[in-house]
Amino acid sequence: MTISNDGSNAKRLTRRKFVLATAAAGAALLPGAAFAQNALNDLLRAPSRGNWDDQFDTRGTNVREVASNSPIFSQNTFAATQQAVQAYGELVSMGGWQTVPEGETLRLGVTSPSVTALRQRLYASGDLPQSAGASPSFDTYVDAAVKRFQARHGLPADGVAATHTFKAMNVPADLRLRQLQVNLGRLQESLASERAARFVMVNIPAAAIEAVENGRVVQRHTAVVGKTDRQTPILDSKITNLNLNPYWHAPASIVRKDIIPLMQKDSTYLERNDIHIFDGKGQEIAPETINWNSDDAVRYLFRQEPGKNNAMSSVKINFPNAHAVYMHDTPQQSLFSELMRFESSGCVRVQNVRDLIVWIARDEPGWDRQAIEQIIAARTRQDIDLSNPIPVHFTYVSAWATDPTVVQFRDDIYHLDGAEQLAMSELTTTAYAAGQENPYARGDDGY
């Protein structure tokens, strides 16, 4: 639900009262806090508490949509996040929530005392109605509530409460409040600049992209962003140019760390990956003329040809910036299904990138979807220069709300929110998975 000036305001406010009421459940169940139960019951019985129970059923997260077409960079999101800060502040003052035991995997059909603790945690955050009871059985109501919680935290909404879900649940309420406060400041800064009618926004900790037009998100894309030691930068620029079937140029760091060792093992590596070597005058150099037991190769330009092996696959999206980063396609589409999508060297890989570039180039004469697909299919190098560059913003927002009762949290992957537990760094993946010898097969962009 987005913020509006019509009658939905009343509904939004009553739902907020219900969130605060259910937040009291966690405190009411703590030793010495029984006095809070009467106040909680009064709130739950109040006719103005909202209609969560009326909408909740067992069909999963589609009943209470977590996604929204409100952009993160919007007055709506800022106002909803302000209200979420207030709600979490009151929740913290009432004792927050209890932790959930992490030793079991809880799913539909399981009966365990841990399910009762799980219910209490879901009551506190408004993901489960109090009317669902305190049974130790993991029923369809708990399943739907877990899915809702997972969706709000950027986790696969499979309804299975295990390691990643417990880690997110057991971040204390006061840390979540601090995370919201820090990110509210970032959202406030974003409002200081006037936004164009059309823009692209990359949210780094969410590893997600929004294409925004006239105040609404018209496209969303899953992304892969920079590793913790090669971070994607925060920046503002304008998309000026699209490269169809681009070349890929290996930076010196990739030549030194990857190409030289690979050529020492397999002299056919460059040929198999369509990589050519050029000197400073543009003359091609034969691989066998280079001493691969030295750093001589670093002096040359390594260029990968367009095609199925290319690290950027079908397209590169260019925008001027001091970090030499860009957005691009990748031949490794499986990366987008990973939970932790922090695997690049700073550039941003875009799932379903052709949908995005068609939207970006739509006002350029002769560049409709059919024309773009024909060029890509032909493996022909072609540039599209934009007559009206599209603003692009790389930002870092790890907590926000597009509805005060639907608060989104993501891992603070770059440790910018001020609390180690928010980063959950023990869950991140390594830069090079075991058995992956080919950086180009990973789609490594080199930046």
Protein backbone atom coordinates (compact mmCIF):
# COMPACT_ATOMS: atom_id res chain seq x y z
CA MET A 1 0.00 0.00 0.00
CA THR A 2 1.38 3.38 -0.93
CA ILE A 3 0.84 6.67 0.86
CA SER A 4 -1.90 8.79 -0.62
CA ASN A 5 -4.16 11.67 0.30
CA ASP A 6 -7.40 9.72 0.06
CA GLY A 7 -9.24 7.47 2.47
CA SER A 8 -6.38 4.95 2.48
CA ASN A 9 -4.69 7.21 5.05
CA ALA A 10 -7.19 6.10 7.66
CA LYS A 11 -6.61 2.45 6.84
CA ARG A 12 -2.85 2.97 6.99
CA LEU A 13 -3.04 4.58 10.44
CA THR A 14 -5.23 1.87 11.89
CA ARG A 15 -2.89 -0.80 10.58
CA ARG A 16 -0.02 1.03 12.21
CA LYS A 17 -1.88 0.88 15.52
CA PHE A 18 -2.18 -2.85 15.04
CA VAL A 19 1.56 -3.21 14.39
CA LEU A 20 2.22 -1.38 17.65
CA ALA A 21 -0.30 -3.61 19.39
CA THR A 22 1.22 -6.83 18.13
CA ALA A 23 4.67 -5.49 18.99
CA ALA A 24 3.55 -5.52 22.61
CA ALA A 25 3.01 -9.28 22.41
CA GLY A 26 6.72 -9.99 22.67
CA ALA A 27 7.03 -7.80 25.77
CA ALA A 28 3.87 -9.22 27.32
CA LEU A 29 5.34 -12.72 27.19
CA LEU A 30 8.53 -11.74 29.03
CA PRO A 31 8.82 -12.53 32.77
CA GLY A 32 7.61 -9.61 34.85
CA ALA A 33 5.69 -8.07 31.95
CA ALA A 34 2.31 -9.71 32.48
CA PHE A 35 0.81 -6.32 33.31
CA ALA A 36 1.17 -5.41 29.62
CA GLN A 37 -1.16 -8.21 28.53
CA ASN A 38 -4.36 -6.40 29.53
CA ALA A 39 -3.32 -3.33 27.53
CA LEU A 40 -2.46 -5.60 24.61
CA ASN A 41 -5.84 -7.30 24.74
CA ASP A 42 -7.59 -3.92 24.82
CA LEU A 43 -5.70 -2.86 21.71
CA LEU A 44 -6.43 -6.13 19.92
CA ARG A 45 -10.14 -5.75 20.65
CA ALA A 46 -10.23 -2.11 19.61
CA PRO A 47 -12.41 -1.60 16.48
CA SER A 48 -9.79 0.78 15.06
CA ARG A 49 -6.89 -1.67 15.17
CA GLY A 50 -6.99 -2.43 11.41
CA ASN A 51 -8.05 -5.36 9.28
CA TRP A 52 -5.00 -7.63 9.17
CA ASP A 53 -7.07 -10.60 10.37
CA ASP A 54 -9.66 -9.95 7.68
CA GLN A 55 -7.04 -10.12 4.92
CA PHE A 56 -4.79 -12.83 6.29
CA ASP A 57 -5.28 -16.35 5.02
CA THR A 58 -3.14 -19.36 4.21
CA ARG A 59 -2.38 -18.71 0.58
CA GLY A 60 0.95 -17.04 1.19
CA THR A 61 2.44 -13.64 0.59
CA ASN A 62 0.18 -12.67 -2.31
CA VAL A 63 -2.54 -11.66 0.21
CA ARG A 64 -0.36 -8.99 1.83
CA GLU A 65 1.83 -7.67 -0.93
CA VAL A 66 5.33 -6.84 0.25
CA ALA A 67 6.40 -5.35 -3.07
CA SER A 68 5.28 -1.87 -4.04
CA ASN A 69 5.42 0.34 -7.12
CA SER A 70 6.57 3.27 -4.96
CA PRO A 71 10.23 4.06 -5.71
CA ILE A 72 12.74 4.00 -2.88
CA PHE A 73 13.63 7.55 -3.93
CA SER A 74 10.24 9.13 -3.25
CA GLN A 75 8.38 11.24 -0.73
CA ASN A 76 6.04 8.29 -0.16
CA THR A 77 8.87 6.02 0.94
CA PHE A 78 10.41 8.71 3.13
CA ALA A 79 7.10 9.37 4.91
CA ALA A 80 6.37 5.64 5.38
CA THR A 81 9.88 5.09 6.74
CA GLN A 82 9.39 7.96 9.19
CA GLN A 83 6.28 6.21 10.51
CA ALA A 84 8.15 2.90 10.67
CA VAL A 85 10.86 4.56 12.77
CA GLN A 86 8.20 5.76 15.20
CA ALA A 87 6.55 2.33 15.32
CA TYR A 88 9.86 0.53 15.94
CA GLY A 89 10.75 3.10 18.60
CA GLU A 90 7.57 2.23 20.48
CA LEU A 91 8.19 -1.47 19.90
CA VAL A 92 11.68 -1.13 21.45
CA SER A 93 10.28 0.79 24.40
CA MET A 94 7.92 -2.15 25.04
CA GLY A 95 10.76 -4.67 25.13
CA GLY A 96 11.23 -5.57 21.47
CA TRP A 97 11.07 -9.25 20.62
CA GLN A 98 12.54 -12.47 21.97
CA THR A 99 15.03 -14.54 20.00
CA VAL A 100 14.03 -17.72 18.21
CA PRO A 101 16.05 -20.92 18.85
CA GLU A 102 18.26 -21.62 15.82
CA GLY A 103 18.91 -25.33 16.26
CA GLU A 104 16.00 -26.70 14.21
CA THR A 105 14.67 -26.29 10.69
CA LEU A 106 11.02 -25.37 11.01
CA ARG A 107 8.57 -25.93 8.17
CA LEU A 108 4.97 -26.83 7.47
CA GLY A 109 3.91 -29.88 9.52
CA VAL A 110 6.62 -29.63 12.22
CA THR A 111 5.55 -29.65 15.88
CA SER A 112 8.07 -28.17 18.30
CA PRO A 113 8.30 -25.74 21.23
CA SER A 114 10.43 -23.62 18.89
CA VAL A 115 7.34 -23.00 16.74
CA THR A 116 5.70 -21.25 19.71
CA ALA A 117 8.74 -18.95 19.96
CA LEU A 118 8.57 -18.43 16.22
CA ARG A 119 4.92 -17.39 16.47
CA GLN A 120 5.75 -14.87 19.20
CA ARG A 121 8.48 -13.37 17.02
CA LEU A 122 6.12 -13.09 14.06
CA TYR A 123 3.43 -11.47 16.25
CA ALA A 124 5.90 -8.83 17.39
CA SER A 125 6.77 -7.72 13.85
CA GLY A 126 3.18 -7.83 12.57
CA ASP A 127 3.74 -10.78 10.22
CA LEU A 128 1.28 -13.05 12.06
CA PRO A 129 -2.06 -12.06 13.67
CA GLN A 130 -2.49 -12.72 17.38
CA SER A 131 -5.61 -14.72 16.54
CA ALA A 132 -3.38 -17.43 15.04
CA GLY A 133 -2.76 -18.66 18.60
CA ALA A 134 0.27 -20.12 20.37
CA SER A 135 0.23 -23.70 19.10
CA PRO A 136 3.58 -25.53 18.79
CA SER A 137 2.44 -26.77 15.36
CA PHE A 138 3.80 -25.13 12.22
CA ASP A 139 0.52 -24.66 10.38
CA THR A 140 -0.45 -22.84 7.19
CA TYR A 141 -0.84 -19.55 9.06
CA VAL A 142 2.75 -19.72 10.29
CA ASP A 143 3.88 -20.77 6.82
CA ALA A 144 2.30 -17.67 5.25
CA ALA A 145 3.69 -15.42 7.99
CA VAL A 146 7.23 -16.78 7.56
CA LYS A 147 6.96 -16.17 3.81
CA ARG A 148 5.90 -12.59 4.47
CA PHE A 149 8.82 -12.09 6.88
CA GLN A 150 11.25 -13.57 4.37
CA ALA A 151 9.98 -11.35 1.56
CA ARG A 152 10.46 -8.27 3.75
CA HIS A 153 14.08 -9.27 4.40
CA GLY A 154 15.05 -10.13 0.84
CA LEU A 155 15.13 -13.87 1.52
CA PRO A 156 13.60 -16.61 -0.66
CA ALA A 157 9.97 -16.76 0.46
CA ASP A 158 9.84 -20.55 0.78
CA GLY A 159 8.24 -20.69 4.24
CA VAL A 160 11.14 -22.71 5.68
CA ALA A 161 12.62 -21.17 8.83
CA ALA A 162 16.30 -22.10 8.88
CA THR A 163 19.71 -20.44 9.22
CA HIS A 164 19.23 -17.30 7.13
CA THR A 165 15.71 -16.65 8.38
CA PHE A 166 16.75 -17.09 12.02
CA LYS A 167 19.71 -14.75 11.56
CA ALA A 168 17.36 -12.05 10.28
CA MET A 169 14.79 -12.71 13.00
CA ASN A 170 17.31 -12.58 15.82
CA VAL A 171 18.67 -9.13 15.04
CA PRO A 172 17.48 -7.21 18.12
CA ALA A 173 14.69 -4.68 17.69
CA ASP A 174 16.92 -1.81 18.86
CA LEU A 175 19.41 -2.57 16.08
CA ARG A 176 16.61 -2.64 13.52
CA LEU A 177 15.47 0.73 14.85
CA ARG A 178 18.98 2.12 14.48
CA GLN A 179 19.16 0.72 10.95
CA LEU A 180 15.90 2.46 10.06
CA GLN A 181 17.11 5.75 11.54
CA VAL A 182 20.39 5.65 9.59
CA ASN A 183 18.59 4.90 6.35
CA LEU A 184 15.94 7.54 6.98
CA GLY A 185 18.81 10.03 6.86
CA ARG A 186 19.92 8.63 3.52
CA LEU A 187 16.40 8.90 2.15
CA GLN A 188 16.18 12.48 3.37
CA GLU A 189 19.40 13.30 1.52
CA SER A 190 17.98 11.72 -1.63
CA LEU A 191 15.00 14.10 -1.50
CA ALA A 192 17.31 17.11 -1.47
CA SER A 193 17.92 16.66 -5.22
CA GLU A 194 15.16 17.03 -7.76
CA ARG A 195 14.49 13.78 -9.60
CA ALA A 196 13.92 13.50 -13.32
CA ALA A 197 10.69 12.00 -14.62
CA ARG A 198 12.67 8.92 -15.72
CA PHE A 199 15.66 7.45 -13.88
CA VAL A 200 17.39 4.21 -12.96
CA MET A 201 18.27 3.43 -9.35
CA VAL A 202 20.63 0.66 -8.19
CA ASN A 203 20.18 -0.22 -4.51
CA ILE A 204 23.45 -1.89 -3.55
CA PRO A 205 22.55 -3.79 -0.34
CA ALA A 206 19.34 -5.08 -1.94
CA ALA A 207 21.25 -6.02 -5.13
CA ALA A 208 18.25 -4.69 -7.03
CA ILE A 209 17.44 -2.10 -9.69
CA GLU A 210 14.41 0.13 -10.19
CA ALA A 211 13.48 1.82 -13.46
CA VAL A 212 11.27 4.73 -12.41
CA GLU A 213 8.93 6.83 -14.50
CA ASN A 214 6.54 9.54 -13.32
CA GLY A 215 6.87 8.52 -9.70
CA ARG A 216 6.25 4.78 -10.20
CA VAL A 217 8.52 1.77 -10.55
CA VAL A 218 7.87 0.44 -14.05
CA GLN A 219 10.57 -2.24 -14.05
CA ARG A 220 12.48 -4.12 -11.35
CA HIS A 221 15.64 -6.09 -11.99
CA THR A 222 17.71 -8.41 -9.86
CA ALA A 223 21.37 -7.38 -9.82
CA VAL A 224 24.80 -8.70 -8.91
CA VAL A 225 26.96 -6.03 -7.26
CA GLY A 226 30.47 -5.69 -5.86
CA LYS A 227 32.17 -7.96 -3.37
CA THR A 228 33.00 -6.60 0.06
CA ASP A 229 36.62 -6.03 -0.98
CA ARG A 230 35.68 -4.55 -4.39
CA GLN A 231 32.64 -2.50 -3.54
CA THR A 232 30.21 -0.98 -5.98
CA PRO A 233 30.50 2.80 -5.44
CA ILE A 234 27.73 5.21 -4.50
CA LEU A 235 27.36 7.65 -7.41
CA ASP A 236 25.07 9.82 -9.50
CA SER A 237 25.48 10.06 -13.27
CA LYS A 238 23.57 9.83 -16.55
CA ILE A 239 23.36 6.91 -18.95
CA THR A 240 24.72 8.25 -22.23
CA ASN A 241 25.47 5.21 -24.32
CA LEU A 242 24.59 1.54 -24.86
CA ASN A 243 27.04 -0.93 -26.40
CA LEU A 244 25.41 -3.90 -28.14
CA ASN A 245 27.66 -6.95 -28.39
CA PRO A 246 30.50 -5.12 -26.63
CA TYR A 247 34.17 -5.96 -26.43
CA TRP A 248 35.49 -6.73 -22.97
CA HIS A 249 38.90 -5.37 -22.00
CA ALA A 250 40.69 -7.12 -19.14
CA PRO A 251 42.24 -4.74 -16.61
CA ALA A 252 45.82 -5.32 -15.46
CA SER A 253 44.65 -6.85 -12.18
CA ILE A 254 42.74 -9.61 -14.01
CA VAL A 255 45.66 -10.21 -16.38
CA ARG A 256 48.02 -10.61 -13.45
CA LYS A 257 45.78 -12.59 -11.09
CA ASP A 258 43.83 -14.72 -13.56
CA ILE A 259 45.05 -14.79 -17.15
CA ILE A 260 48.75 -15.40 -16.51
CA PRO A 261 48.16 -18.34 -14.12
CA LEU A 262 45.56 -19.82 -16.48
CA MET A 263 47.90 -19.56 -19.48
CA GLN A 264 50.60 -21.29 -17.46
CA LYS A 265 48.23 -24.24 -17.06
CA ASP A 266 46.60 -24.20 -20.52
CA SER A 267 48.14 -22.46 -23.51
CA THR A 268 44.83 -22.66 -25.42
CA TYR A 269 42.91 -20.68 -22.80
CA LEU A 270 42.88 -17.35 -24.69
CA GLU A 271 41.88 -18.96 -27.97
CA ARG A 272 39.04 -20.92 -26.35
CA ASN A 273 37.67 -17.74 -24.79
CA ASP A 274 37.98 -15.52 -27.90
CA ILE A 275 40.56 -13.24 -26.25
CA HIS A 276 43.09 -11.37 -28.40
CA ILE A 277 46.22 -9.48 -27.32
CA PHE A 278 47.22 -6.06 -28.69
CA ASP A 279 50.24 -3.85 -28.16
CA GLY A 280 50.21 -0.09 -27.64
CA LYS A 281 50.04 0.51 -31.41
CA GLY A 282 47.00 -1.70 -31.91
CA GLN A 283 48.97 -4.55 -33.43
CA GLU A 284 47.83 -8.05 -32.47
CA ILE A 285 50.37 -10.11 -30.52
CA ALA A 286 50.58 -13.89 -30.75
CA PRO A 287 50.23 -15.55 -27.31
CA GLU A 288 53.26 -17.78 -27.89
CA THR A 289 55.53 -14.72 -28.13
CA ILE A 290 54.84 -13.77 -24.50
CA ASN A 291 56.77 -15.14 -21.53
CA TRP A 292 53.91 -16.42 -19.33
CA ASN A 293 56.30 -17.11 -16.45
CA SER A 294 56.75 -13.36 -16.00
CA ASP A 295 54.57 -10.25 -15.76
CA ASP A 296 55.29 -9.26 -19.37
CA ALA A 297 51.64 -9.81 -20.34
CA VAL A 298 50.48 -6.97 -18.10
CA ARG A 299 51.94 -4.50 -20.65
CA TYR A 300 49.41 -5.53 -23.29
CA LEU A 301 45.69 -5.02 -23.96
CA PHE A 302 43.53 -8.13 -23.67
CA ARG A 303 40.27 -7.88 -25.60
CA GLN A 304 37.49 -10.42 -25.56
CA GLU A 305 35.39 -10.53 -28.72
CA PRO A 306 31.59 -10.25 -28.73
CA GLY A 307 29.81 -13.56 -28.42
CA LYS A 308 28.56 -16.19 -26.02
CA ASN A 309 31.80 -16.25 -24.03
CA ASN A 310 31.98 -12.50 -23.55
CA ALA A 311 32.02 -11.41 -19.90
CA MET A 312 29.41 -8.72 -20.62
CA SER A 313 27.38 -10.96 -22.94
CA SER A 314 24.96 -8.89 -25.04
CA VAL A 315 25.10 -5.33 -23.70
CA LYS A 316 27.03 -2.74 -21.71
CA ILE A 317 25.34 0.35 -20.22
CA ASN A 318 27.70 3.33 -19.98
CA PHE A 319 27.60 6.44 -17.78
CA PRO A 320 30.48 8.81 -16.94
CA ASN A 321 31.97 8.23 -13.49
CA ALA A 322 35.31 8.41 -11.72
CA HIS A 323 35.22 4.72 -10.78
CA ALA A 324 35.17 3.27 -14.32
CA VAL A 325 32.14 1.12 -13.45
CA TYR A 326 29.18 0.28 -15.67
CA MET A 327 26.13 -1.99 -15.88
CA HIS A 328 26.05 -5.03 -18.12
CA ASP A 329 24.64 -8.39 -19.07
CA THR A 330 26.33 -11.64 -18.06
CA PRO A 331 26.53 -15.14 -19.56
CA GLN A 332 26.14 -16.61 -16.05
CA GLN A 333 22.41 -16.10 -15.50
CA SER A 334 22.42 -18.56 -12.59
CA LEU A 335 24.12 -15.92 -10.44
CA PHE A 336 20.84 -14.01 -10.19
CA SER A 337 19.21 -16.86 -8.27
CA GLU A 338 21.87 -16.76 -5.55
CA LEU A 339 20.88 -15.45 -2.12
CA MET A 340 24.07 -13.39 -1.70
CA ARG A 341 24.57 -11.55 -4.98
CA PHE A 342 27.78 -9.71 -4.08
CA GLU A 343 30.16 -11.30 -6.56
CA SER A 344 31.33 -8.65 -9.02
CA SER A 345 34.41 -6.46 -8.91
CA GLY A 346 32.35 -3.27 -8.65
CA CYS A 347 30.28 -3.19 -11.82
CA VAL A 348 26.60 -4.16 -11.81
CA ARG A 349 25.20 -7.15 -13.68
CA VAL A 350 21.54 -6.86 -14.63
CA GLN A 351 19.03 -9.68 -14.97
CA ASN A 352 16.69 -9.33 -17.97
CA VAL A 353 18.87 -6.47 -19.11
CA ARG A 354 17.28 -6.30 -22.56
CA ASP A 355 13.98 -5.18 -21.01
CA LEU A 356 15.89 -2.36 -19.33
CA ILE A 357 17.78 -1.19 -22.42
CA VAL A 358 14.61 -1.21 -24.53
CA TRP A 359 13.07 1.13 -21.93
CA ILE A 360 16.22 3.29 -21.86
CA ALA A 361 16.43 3.59 -25.67
CA ARG A 362 12.72 3.85 -26.43
CA ASP A 363 12.88 7.51 -27.55
CA GLU A 364 15.77 6.90 -29.97
CA PRO A 365 14.45 6.62 -33.56
CA GLY A 366 14.93 3.18 -35.06
CA TRP A 367 15.77 1.45 -31.79
CA ASP A 368 12.74 -0.57 -30.81
CA ARG A 369 12.86 -4.06 -29.32
CA GLN A 370 12.98 -5.79 -32.69
CA ALA A 371 15.92 -3.72 -33.93
CA ILE A 372 17.91 -4.29 -30.74
CA GLU A 373 17.27 -8.04 -30.77
CA GLN A 374 18.30 -8.32 -34.42
CA ILE A 375 21.66 -6.63 -33.75
CA ILE A 376 22.33 -8.80 -30.71
CA ALA A 377 21.41 -11.98 -32.59
CA ALA A 378 23.76 -11.05 -35.43
CA ARG A 379 26.66 -10.57 -32.94
CA THR A 380 27.35 -7.23 -34.60
CA ARG A 381 29.07 -4.45 -32.66
CA GLN A 382 26.75 -1.44 -32.43
CA ASP A 383 26.47 1.62 -30.18
CA ILE A 384 23.31 3.53 -29.28
CA ASP A 385 24.00 7.10 -28.22
CA LEU A 386 21.19 8.62 -26.18
CA SER A 387 19.97 12.06 -27.25
CA ASN A 388 18.39 12.45 -23.80
CA PRO A 389 20.65 10.78 -21.21
CA ILE A 390 18.83 8.94 -18.43
CA PRO A 391 19.88 9.73 -14.82
CA VAL A 392 21.29 6.76 -12.89
CA HIS A 393 21.80 6.61 -9.14
CA PHE A 394 23.81 4.01 -7.23
CA THR A 395 22.61 4.22 -3.62
CA TYR A 396 22.89 2.35 -0.34
CA VAL A 397 19.54 1.85 1.40
CA SER A 398 19.34 -1.22 3.64
CA ALA A 399 16.07 -0.40 5.44
CA TRP A 400 12.96 1.36 4.17
CA ALA A 401 9.17 1.18 4.08
CA THR A 402 6.74 1.89 1.26
CA ASP A 403 3.95 1.15 3.76
CA PRO A 404 4.49 1.71 7.50
CA THR A 405 3.37 -1.88 8.20
CA VAL A 406 5.63 -3.42 5.55
CA VAL A 407 9.18 -2.58 6.59
CA GLN A 408 11.98 -3.87 4.37
CA PHE A 409 15.44 -4.82 5.69
CA ARG A 410 18.56 -6.00 3.88
CA ASP A 411 21.99 -7.08 5.10
CA ASP A 412 24.40 -4.20 5.63
CA ILE A 413 26.87 -5.93 3.32
CA TYR A 414 29.44 -3.09 3.30
CA HIS A 415 29.21 -2.42 7.07
CA LEU A 416 27.93 1.15 6.70
CA ASP A 417 25.05 1.04 9.19
CA GLY A 418 27.15 0.98 12.36
CA ALA A 419 26.47 -2.48 13.82
CA GLU A 420 28.33 -5.66 12.92
CA GLN A 421 25.28 -7.89 13.39
CA LEU A 422 23.43 -6.02 10.65
CA ALA A 423 26.06 -7.10 8.12
CA MET A 424 25.71 -10.83 8.83
CA SER A 425 29.07 -11.17 7.09
CA GLU A 426 29.37 -14.83 8.06
CA LEU A 427 26.65 -15.57 5.50
CA THR A 428 28.38 -13.96 2.55
CA THR A 429 29.92 -16.05 -0.18
CA THR A 430 33.55 -16.03 -1.27
CA ALA A 431 34.68 -14.25 -4.41
CA TYR A 432 35.85 -17.41 -6.12
CA ALA A 433 33.79 -20.53 -5.61
CA ALA A 434 35.63 -23.83 -5.52
CA GLY A 435 36.19 -25.31 -8.94
CA GLN A 436 35.53 -22.10 -10.89
CA GLU A 437 38.77 -21.56 -12.71
CA ASN A 438 37.44 -19.24 -15.40
CA PRO A 439 36.79 -15.61 -14.37
CA TYR A 440 35.13 -14.94 -17.73
CA ALA A 441 32.67 -17.80 -17.25
CA ARG A 442 31.68 -16.07 -14.00
CA GLY A 443 31.10 -12.88 -15.91
CA ASP A 444 33.87 -11.11 -13.96
CA ASP A 445 33.87 -7.50 -15.14
CA GLY A 446 37.29 -6.65 -13.73
CA TYR A 447 36.17 -3.56 -11.86
